[in-house]
Protein backbone atom coordinates (compact mmCIF):
# COMPACT_ATOMS: atom_id res chain seq x y z
CA MET A 1 19.82 -3.01 -15.38
CA THR A 2 20.43 -2.63 -12.19
CA GLY A 3 21.87 -3.93 -9.90
CA GLU A 4 21.11 -3.92 -6.16
CA GLY A 5 17.26 -4.36 -5.76
CA ARG A 6 17.21 -6.64 -8.81
CA THR A 7 17.54 -9.90 -7.08
CA GLY A 8 16.74 -13.40 -8.30
CA ALA A 9 15.60 -16.08 -5.88
CA PRO A 10 18.01 -18.98 -5.38
CA ALA A 11 17.03 -22.30 -6.84
CA THR A 12 17.61 -23.85 -3.41
CA THR A 13 16.52 -21.90 -0.35
CA PRO A 14 17.67 -22.54 3.24
CA GLU A 15 14.23 -23.93 4.06
CA VAL A 16 14.54 -26.84 1.59
CA SER A 17 16.24 -29.85 3.20
CA SER A 18 18.27 -32.49 1.43
CA ALA A 19 15.53 -35.01 2.24
CA HIS A 20 13.02 -32.93 0.31
CA GLN A 21 15.41 -32.65 -2.61
CA ALA A 22 16.05 -36.38 -2.58
CA ALA A 23 12.33 -36.89 -3.09
CA PHE A 24 12.77 -35.27 -6.51
CA ALA A 25 15.60 -37.59 -7.57
CA GLY A 26 15.45 -38.18 -11.30
CA MET A 27 13.65 -34.91 -11.98
CA PRO A 28 15.38 -32.32 -14.19
CA THR A 29 17.58 -29.90 -12.27
CA PRO A 30 15.71 -26.58 -11.97
CA LEU A 31 17.26 -23.54 -13.56
CA TYR A 32 19.29 -21.37 -11.21
CA ALA A 33 17.46 -18.04 -11.05
CA ALA A 34 19.52 -14.91 -10.43
CA SER A 35 20.12 -11.32 -11.37
CA PRO A 36 23.45 -10.06 -12.73
CA SER A 37 23.91 -8.20 -9.43
CA ARG A 38 23.64 -11.46 -7.50
CA LEU A 39 26.25 -13.14 -9.71
CA LEU A 40 28.70 -10.28 -9.28
CA ALA A 41 28.12 -10.00 -5.52
CA TRP A 42 29.61 -13.49 -5.21
CA LEU A 43 32.73 -12.43 -7.13
CA ASP A 44 33.14 -9.30 -4.99
CA CYS A 45 32.96 -11.03 -1.60
CA PRO A 46 31.46 -14.42 -0.66
CA ARG A 47 30.68 -13.23 2.85
CA ARG A 48 28.77 -10.19 1.64
CA TYR A 49 26.92 -12.44 -0.80
CA ARG A 50 25.87 -14.72 2.05
CA MET A 51 24.68 -11.85 4.23
CA GLN A 52 22.85 -10.12 1.39
CA TYR A 53 21.17 -13.10 -0.25
CA LEU A 54 21.13 -16.10 2.08
CA ASP A 55 21.09 -15.09 5.75
CA ARG A 56 17.63 -15.07 7.31
CA PRO A 57 16.98 -12.74 8.93
CA ARG A 58 19.29 -10.66 6.82
CA PRO A 59 21.77 -8.60 8.87
CA PRO A 60 20.74 -4.95 8.91
CA ALA A 61 22.56 -2.86 6.32
CA ARG A 62 23.91 0.58 7.05
CA PRO A 63 21.83 3.65 6.09
CA GLN A 64 21.94 4.84 2.49
CA ARG A 65 24.81 7.13 1.51
CA ALA A 66 24.47 10.46 -0.27
CA HIS A 67 26.01 9.31 -3.57
CA THR A 68 23.42 6.53 -3.71
CA SER A 69 20.65 9.10 -3.22
CA VAL A 70 22.13 11.14 -6.09
CA GLY A 71 22.29 8.06 -8.32
CA ILE A 72 18.76 6.90 -7.62
CA THR A 73 17.33 10.39 -8.11
CA THR A 74 19.16 10.78 -11.42
CA HIS A 75 17.88 7.43 -12.69
CA ASN A 76 14.33 8.24 -11.62
CA VAL A 77 14.41 11.60 -13.40
CA LEU A 78 15.79 10.06 -16.59
CA ARG A 79 13.06 7.42 -16.39
CA ASP A 80 10.19 9.84 -15.80
CA PHE A 81 11.43 12.34 -18.39
CA TRP A 82 10.19 10.10 -21.20
CA ASP A 83 6.70 10.04 -19.68
CA LEU A 84 6.42 13.81 -20.07
CA PRO A 85 4.51 15.19 -23.06
CA PRO A 86 6.98 16.39 -25.72
CA GLY A 87 6.13 20.01 -24.96
CA ARG A 88 7.24 19.58 -21.32
CA ARG A 89 10.57 17.94 -22.11
CA THR A 90 12.33 21.17 -21.20
CA PRO A 91 14.80 22.38 -18.53
CA ASP A 92 11.83 23.49 -16.44
CA GLY A 93 10.29 20.04 -16.78
CA VAL A 94 13.54 18.43 -15.64
CA ALA A 95 13.78 20.84 -12.70
CA GLU A 96 10.30 19.83 -11.54
CA LEU A 97 11.18 16.14 -11.83
CA VAL A 98 14.34 16.65 -9.77
CA ARG A 99 12.40 18.56 -7.14
CA SER A 100 9.70 15.90 -6.82
CA SER A 101 12.12 12.95 -6.99
CA TRP A 102 14.87 14.27 -4.72
CA ILE A 103 16.03 11.84 -2.01
CA ASP A 104 17.34 13.82 0.96
CA VAL A 105 19.26 10.97 2.62
CA GLY A 106 22.94 10.68 3.55
CA PHE A 107 23.99 14.31 3.13
CA ARG A 108 26.05 16.17 5.69
CA ASP A 109 23.48 18.94 6.12
CA PRO A 110 20.60 20.68 4.27
CA GLU A 111 23.03 22.98 2.48
CA GLN A 112 24.97 20.09 0.95
CA SER A 113 21.72 18.43 -0.06
CA ALA A 114 20.48 21.60 -1.78
CA THR A 115 23.80 22.03 -3.58
CA TRP A 116 23.67 18.52 -4.97
CA ARG A 117 20.04 18.83 -5.96
CA GLY A 118 21.09 21.77 -8.12
CA ARG A 119 23.99 19.81 -9.57
CA VAL A 120 21.75 16.91 -10.51
CA ARG A 121 19.36 19.29 -12.26
CA GLU A 122 22.21 20.87 -14.23
CA THR A 123 23.88 17.60 -15.22
CA VAL A 124 20.65 15.95 -16.32
CA VAL A 125 19.66 18.98 -18.41
CA ALA A 126 23.11 19.04 -20.03
CA TYR A 127 22.97 15.29 -20.73
CA LEU A 128 19.50 15.44 -22.27
CA ARG A 129 20.52 18.32 -24.56
CA GLY A 130 22.61 15.77 -26.40
CA SER A 131 19.65 13.41 -26.82
CA ASN A 132 16.91 13.27 -29.42
CA ARG A 133 14.03 14.13 -27.11
CA ASP A 134 11.49 13.37 -29.81
CA GLN A 135 12.63 9.78 -30.36
CA GLN A 136 10.95 7.64 -27.73
CA PRO A 137 13.15 4.77 -26.51
CA VAL A 138 11.96 1.22 -27.12
CA GLY A 139 12.04 0.61 -23.38
CA ILE A 140 12.67 2.47 -20.14
CA GLU A 141 13.66 0.33 -17.15
CA ARG A 142 12.49 -2.59 -19.21
CA SER A 143 12.68 -6.08 -17.71
CA VAL A 144 14.46 -8.62 -19.89
CA ALA A 145 15.23 -12.28 -19.31
CA LEU A 146 17.31 -15.05 -20.75
CA ARG A 147 17.26 -18.76 -20.11
CA THR A 148 19.83 -21.41 -20.92
CA ALA A 149 20.01 -25.08 -20.04
CA SER A 150 21.13 -24.16 -16.51
CA ILE A 151 20.28 -20.55 -15.62
CA ALA A 152 17.42 -18.05 -15.71
CA VAL A 153 18.68 -14.46 -15.52
CA THR A 154 16.37 -11.47 -15.20
CA GLY A 155 17.04 -7.78 -14.82
CA ARG A 156 16.04 -4.30 -15.88
CA VAL A 157 17.71 -2.22 -18.57
CA ASP A 158 17.86 1.52 -17.90
CA ARG A 159 17.09 2.28 -21.54
CA LEU A 160 16.72 0.42 -24.81
CA ASP A 161 17.19 2.45 -27.99
CA ASP A 162 16.31 1.62 -31.57
CA ARG A 163 19.25 2.57 -33.78
CA GLU A 164 18.52 1.87 -37.44
CA GLY A 165 16.55 -1.24 -36.64
CA GLU A 166 18.91 -2.67 -34.02
CA LEU A 167 18.52 -2.48 -30.26
CA VAL A 168 21.14 -0.76 -28.09
CA VAL A 169 21.47 -1.28 -24.33
CA VAL A 170 22.00 2.00 -22.44
CA ASP A 171 23.04 1.99 -18.79
CA TYR A 172 23.28 5.26 -16.86
CA LYS A 173 26.25 5.97 -14.56
CA THR A 174 26.39 8.77 -12.01
CA GLY A 175 29.52 8.21 -9.89
CA ARG A 176 32.81 10.08 -10.07
CA GLN A 177 34.50 7.24 -11.98
CA VAL A 178 34.11 7.85 -15.71
CA PRO A 179 33.58 4.49 -17.48
CA THR A 180 35.83 3.39 -20.30
CA GLU A 181 35.32 1.28 -23.40
CA ASP A 182 36.96 -1.60 -21.52
CA ASP A 183 34.28 -1.25 -18.82
CA ALA A 184 31.59 -1.60 -21.47
CA ARG A 185 33.39 -4.50 -23.18
CA THR A 186 33.99 -6.54 -20.03
CA SER A 187 30.69 -5.83 -18.26
CA LEU A 188 28.84 -9.08 -17.56
CA PRO A 189 25.50 -7.36 -16.83
CA LEU A 190 25.53 -5.37 -20.08
CA ALA A 191 26.23 -8.47 -22.15
CA LEU A 192 23.47 -10.43 -20.41
CA TYR A 193 21.06 -7.53 -20.95
CA ALA A 194 21.91 -7.52 -24.66
CA VAL A 195 21.23 -11.24 -24.97
CA GLY A 196 18.02 -10.91 -22.93
CA ALA A 197 16.81 -7.94 -24.97
CA ALA A 198 17.47 -9.76 -28.25
CA ARG A 199 15.47 -12.76 -27.07
CA THR A 200 12.67 -10.67 -25.57
CA PHE A 201 12.17 -8.49 -28.66
CA ARG A 202 13.41 -11.02 -31.26
CA ARG A 203 15.71 -8.40 -32.70
CA SER A 204 19.45 -7.96 -32.98
CA CYS A 205 21.10 -6.39 -29.92
CA VAL A 206 24.90 -6.37 -29.82
CA ARG A 207 25.84 -2.79 -28.88
CA VAL A 208 26.05 -1.79 -25.21
CA GLU A 209 26.70 1.70 -23.85
CA LEU A 210 27.59 3.20 -20.47
CA HIS A 211 26.35 6.80 -20.30
CA HIS A 212 28.15 8.80 -17.63
CA VAL A 213 25.61 11.52 -16.96
CA PRO A 214 27.84 14.05 -15.10
CA SER A 215 30.48 14.15 -17.86
CA GLN A 216 28.18 13.22 -20.80
CA THR A 217 30.72 10.53 -21.68
CA VAL A 218 29.55 7.47 -23.61
CA ALA A 219 31.64 4.30 -23.33
CA ALA A 220 30.46 1.74 -25.88
CA HIS A 221 31.24 -1.72 -27.19
CA THR A 222 29.78 -3.77 -30.02
CA HIS A 223 29.71 -7.46 -29.18
CA THR A 224 29.96 -10.39 -31.54
CA ALA A 225 27.93 -13.56 -31.26
CA GLU A 226 31.07 -15.24 -29.91
CA SER A 227 31.76 -12.62 -27.22
CA LEU A 228 28.15 -12.74 -26.03
CA ALA A 229 28.32 -16.53 -25.88
CA ARG A 230 31.45 -16.25 -23.71
CA LYS A 231 29.63 -13.92 -21.32
CA VAL A 232 26.67 -16.28 -21.06
CA ALA A 233 29.10 -19.12 -20.33
CA GLU A 234 30.71 -16.96 -17.63
CA ALA A 235 27.32 -16.40 -16.01
CA GLU A 236 26.61 -20.13 -16.14
CA SER A 237 29.94 -20.87 -14.46
CA ILE A 238 29.27 -18.41 -11.62
CA ALA A 239 25.74 -19.79 -11.21
CA ALA A 240 27.13 -23.33 -10.93
CA ASP A 241 29.26 -22.18 -8.00
CA LEU A 242 26.28 -20.45 -6.43
CA ARG A 243 24.07 -23.50 -6.79
CA ARG A 244 26.69 -25.48 -4.85
CA VAL A 245 27.26 -22.93 -2.05
CA ASP A 246 23.55 -22.14 -1.71
CA ALA A 247 22.86 -25.85 -1.15
CA GLU A 248 25.71 -26.06 1.34
CA PHE A 249 24.31 -23.06 3.21
CA ALA A 250 20.91 -24.78 3.33
CA GLU A 251 22.58 -27.67 5.16
CA ARG A 252 25.13 -25.90 7.36
CA GLY A 253 24.05 -22.28 7.61
CA VAL A 254 26.66 -19.77 8.74
CA GLU A 255 28.98 -22.66 9.70
CA SER A 256 29.62 -23.29 6.00
CA PRO A 257 33.27 -22.57 5.08
CA SER A 258 32.29 -21.47 1.57
CA PHE A 259 31.72 -17.80 2.44
CA PRO A 260 35.07 -16.32 3.48
CA PRO A 261 35.51 -12.54 3.46
CA ARG A 262 37.48 -10.98 0.62
CA PRO A 263 39.05 -7.92 2.28
CA SER A 264 39.78 -4.95 0.03
CA PRO A 265 39.51 -1.14 0.12
CA LEU A 266 35.83 -1.59 -0.77
CA CYS A 267 35.26 -2.90 2.77
CA THR A 268 35.24 0.69 4.03
CA TRP A 269 32.13 1.22 1.90
CA CYS A 270 30.39 -2.11 2.51
CA ASP A 271 26.80 -1.97 3.77
CA PHE A 272 27.47 -5.03 5.96
CA ARG A 273 30.89 -4.16 7.42
CA ALA A 274 29.39 -3.82 10.92
CA HIS A 275 28.96 -7.62 10.83
CA CYS A 276 32.45 -8.44 9.52
CA ALA A 277 35.59 -8.09 11.66
CA GLU A 278 37.88 -8.53 8.65
CA GLY A 279 36.10 -5.72 6.83
CA GLN A 280 36.37 -3.41 9.81
CA ALA A 281 40.11 -4.09 9.96
CA MET A 282 40.50 -2.55 6.49
CA GLY A 283 40.11 0.94 7.93
CA PRO A 284 37.51 3.37 9.26
CA GLU A 285 34.10 3.42 7.64
CA LYS A 286 33.55 6.13 5.05
CA SER A 287 31.15 8.92 5.92
CA ASP A 288 27.68 9.07 4.42
CA TRP A 289 28.80 11.78 1.98
CA ALA A 290 32.33 10.56 1.20
CA GLY A 291 31.27 9.31 -2.23
CA LEU A 292 30.53 12.84 -3.42
CA ASP A 293 33.18 15.15 -4.90
CA GLY A 294 36.16 15.43 -2.61
CA GLY A 295 35.88 11.90 -1.22
CA SER A 296 38.31 9.02 -1.63
CA THR A 297 38.84 7.62 -5.10
CA ALA A 298 37.93 4.24 -3.61
CA ALA A 299 34.30 5.32 -3.92
CA ARG A 300 34.02 3.70 -7.29
CA GLU A 301 30.83 2.15 -8.52
CA PRO A 302 31.12 -1.59 -7.76
CA HIS A 303 30.74 -3.25 -11.18
CA LEU A 304 29.62 0.20 -12.41
CA GLN A 305 26.13 -0.65 -11.21
CA ARG A 306 23.10 1.57 -11.03
CA GLY A 307 22.53 3.70 -7.96
CA SER A 308 26.16 4.41 -7.10
């Protein structure tokens, strides 16, 4: 599932006053609705979380970078590939999908854009050669949801496979960082997608995979019921913090002390660094195309999310 663009609405919005909430005293506490991306944004940087999810109007984000355009195009092609008739699931069919889906944003010049369009075509063709193109996935960009006593999490899974009667969560990666088995094991979003898929389809789903399209690397982990329960508990813990700070923001707005910056090398890539002095102090902003080959190794995929 993705990530950015897969946002849950907060249970308490800035427009709801404490007086209105007091009127519902004695009523059950509503579930905190969120996406995995929202939960992880809080862990990355409370200030960025506030600007991205709470501030109204939201501060303008910087223009999209080239590596994001590459990631989105790749995901769109891998989504639309499975809508092609079997006879058109060929290199020429992929080339046409890349041509029609290409996002020409963030590149240094037309030549760089054309070069990367060719690279995307080649890497997607090579990746799909290792797939069973006749076995239709159970779901493509399928929405799944899970609810507990305190949270309601929704998101979209890049791909759901049926492997001998069990569901497998597949998440595509396109950045220069090749994911590892530890990335798959520790990923909160992947675990939540597995639980959500199992509940949506009423079938077992314990295996999660990160497919790095450029290198054709698959990083996988098979969860246990206990490890999935720990991940759900982790999500509930983060959501409890967010419920508290969201309510505080509703009362105090940007004066709330609960949203300090968390400066790190990622600040040079942050979409909201123009509005954060501490982030700007971490160094000059990366260029629009710095996340492509030859850029800084800091251009990792935050949380290995879609679109990076």
